[in-house]
Amino acid sequence: MSAFVYGAITMGYTIAALFFLRFWRTTRDRLFLLFAASFAILAIHRVVLFASEDPAEHRPLVYVARLAAYLIILFAIHDKNRRPAR
């Protein structure tokens, strides 16, 4: 059952990354590119976590990958709000 849940979560992250990547291709707005990168990091993180021998989420390295992804999202929002509109 956990394989199904990991797969569903990974699929959701991948779809979100592709969704934002599509918007980036049409608008060339850096916000969408950074969101796509963040969700791609989360999807890769889930794949690596599931493929590891001990998929326990209590290890500190697990939180570093998530923190990086969430910091990219926060930076993207901050960057979008501080730049002047074109």
Protein backbone atom coordinates (compact mmCIF):
# COMPACT_ATOMS: atom_id res chain seq x y z
CA MET A 1 0.00 0.00 0.00
CA SER A 2 2.84 2.40 0.73
CA ALA A 3 4.18 1.93 -2.81
CA PHE A 4 0.83 3.07 -4.18
CA VAL A 5 0.79 6.14 -1.94
CA TYR A 6 4.39 7.05 -2.82
CA GLY A 7 3.54 6.64 -6.49
CA ALA A 8 0.44 8.81 -6.22
CA ILE A 9 2.32 11.55 -4.40
CA THR A 10 5.15 11.42 -6.92
CA MET A 11 2.68 11.56 -9.79
CA GLY A 12 1.02 14.61 -8.24
CA TYR A 13 4.33 16.42 -7.87
CA THR A 14 5.31 15.52 -11.43
CA ILE A 15 2.00 16.73 -12.86
CA ALA A 16 2.32 19.98 -10.93
CA ALA A 17 5.88 20.47 -12.24
CA LEU A 18 4.76 19.84 -15.83
CA PHE A 19 1.77 22.15 -15.34
CA PHE A 20 3.98 25.03 -14.21
CA LEU A 21 6.53 24.26 -16.90
CA ARG A 22 3.80 24.61 -19.52
CA PHE A 23 2.85 28.02 -18.16
CA TRP A 24 6.50 29.06 -18.12
CA ARG A 25 6.85 28.14 -21.80
CA THR A 26 3.96 30.42 -22.76
CA THR A 27 4.70 33.36 -20.45
CA ARG A 28 8.46 33.08 -19.77
CA ASP A 29 7.72 34.21 -16.22
CA ARG A 30 10.40 33.09 -13.78
CA LEU A 31 7.77 32.37 -11.10
CA PHE A 32 6.45 29.40 -13.08
CA LEU A 33 9.93 28.09 -13.79
CA LEU A 34 10.87 28.19 -10.11
CA PHE A 35 7.61 26.50 -9.12
CA ALA A 36 8.25 23.77 -11.70
CA ALA A 37 11.78 23.27 -10.35
CA SER A 38 10.47 23.06 -6.79
CA PHE A 39 7.87 20.42 -7.61
CA ALA A 40 10.43 18.49 -9.66
CA ILE A 41 12.72 18.44 -6.62
CA LEU A 42 9.86 17.11 -4.50
CA ALA A 43 9.06 14.40 -7.08
CA ILE A 44 12.70 13.31 -7.34
CA HIS A 45 12.91 13.35 -3.57
CA ARG A 46 9.96 10.95 -3.31
CA VAL A 47 11.47 8.58 -5.88
CA VAL A 48 14.82 8.53 -4.09
CA LEU A 49 13.15 8.10 -0.73
CA PHE A 50 11.09 5.15 -1.95
CA ALA A 51 14.08 3.53 -3.68
CA SER A 52 16.25 3.73 -0.57
CA GLU A 53 16.65 0.72 1.70
CA ASP A 54 15.06 2.49 4.67
CA PRO A 55 12.30 4.83 3.44
CA ALA A 56 11.86 6.34 6.90
CA GLU A 57 11.09 10.03 6.78
CA HIS A 58 12.67 10.86 10.12
CA ARG A 59 16.19 11.35 8.75
CA PRO A 60 17.52 14.93 8.55
CA LEU A 61 18.49 14.66 4.89
CA VAL A 62 14.84 14.14 4.01
CA TYR A 63 13.98 17.50 5.48
CA VAL A 64 16.83 19.25 3.66
CA ALA A 65 15.37 18.36 0.27
CA ARG A 66 11.91 19.52 1.32
CA LEU A 67 13.32 22.69 2.83
CA ALA A 68 15.14 23.48 -0.42
CA ALA A 69 11.95 23.02 -2.43
CA TYR A 70 9.89 25.19 -0.10
CA LEU A 71 12.57 27.88 0.01
CA ILE A 72 12.52 27.99 -3.79
CA ILE A 73 8.76 28.55 -3.65
CA LEU A 74 9.15 31.33 -1.09
CA PHE A 75 11.91 32.93 -3.15
CA ALA A 76 9.77 32.76 -6.29
CA ILE A 77 6.88 34.51 -4.57
CA HIS A 78 9.19 37.15 -3.09
CA ASP A 79 10.91 37.67 -6.43
CA LYS A 80 7.60 38.06 -8.26
CA ASN A 81 6.37 40.66 -5.77
CA ARG A 82 9.51 42.80 -5.72
CA ARG A 83 10.05 43.00 -9.49
CA PRO A 84 8.23 45.76 -11.35
CA ALA A 85 5.52 44.60 -13.75
CA ARG A 86 6.31 44.71 -17.44
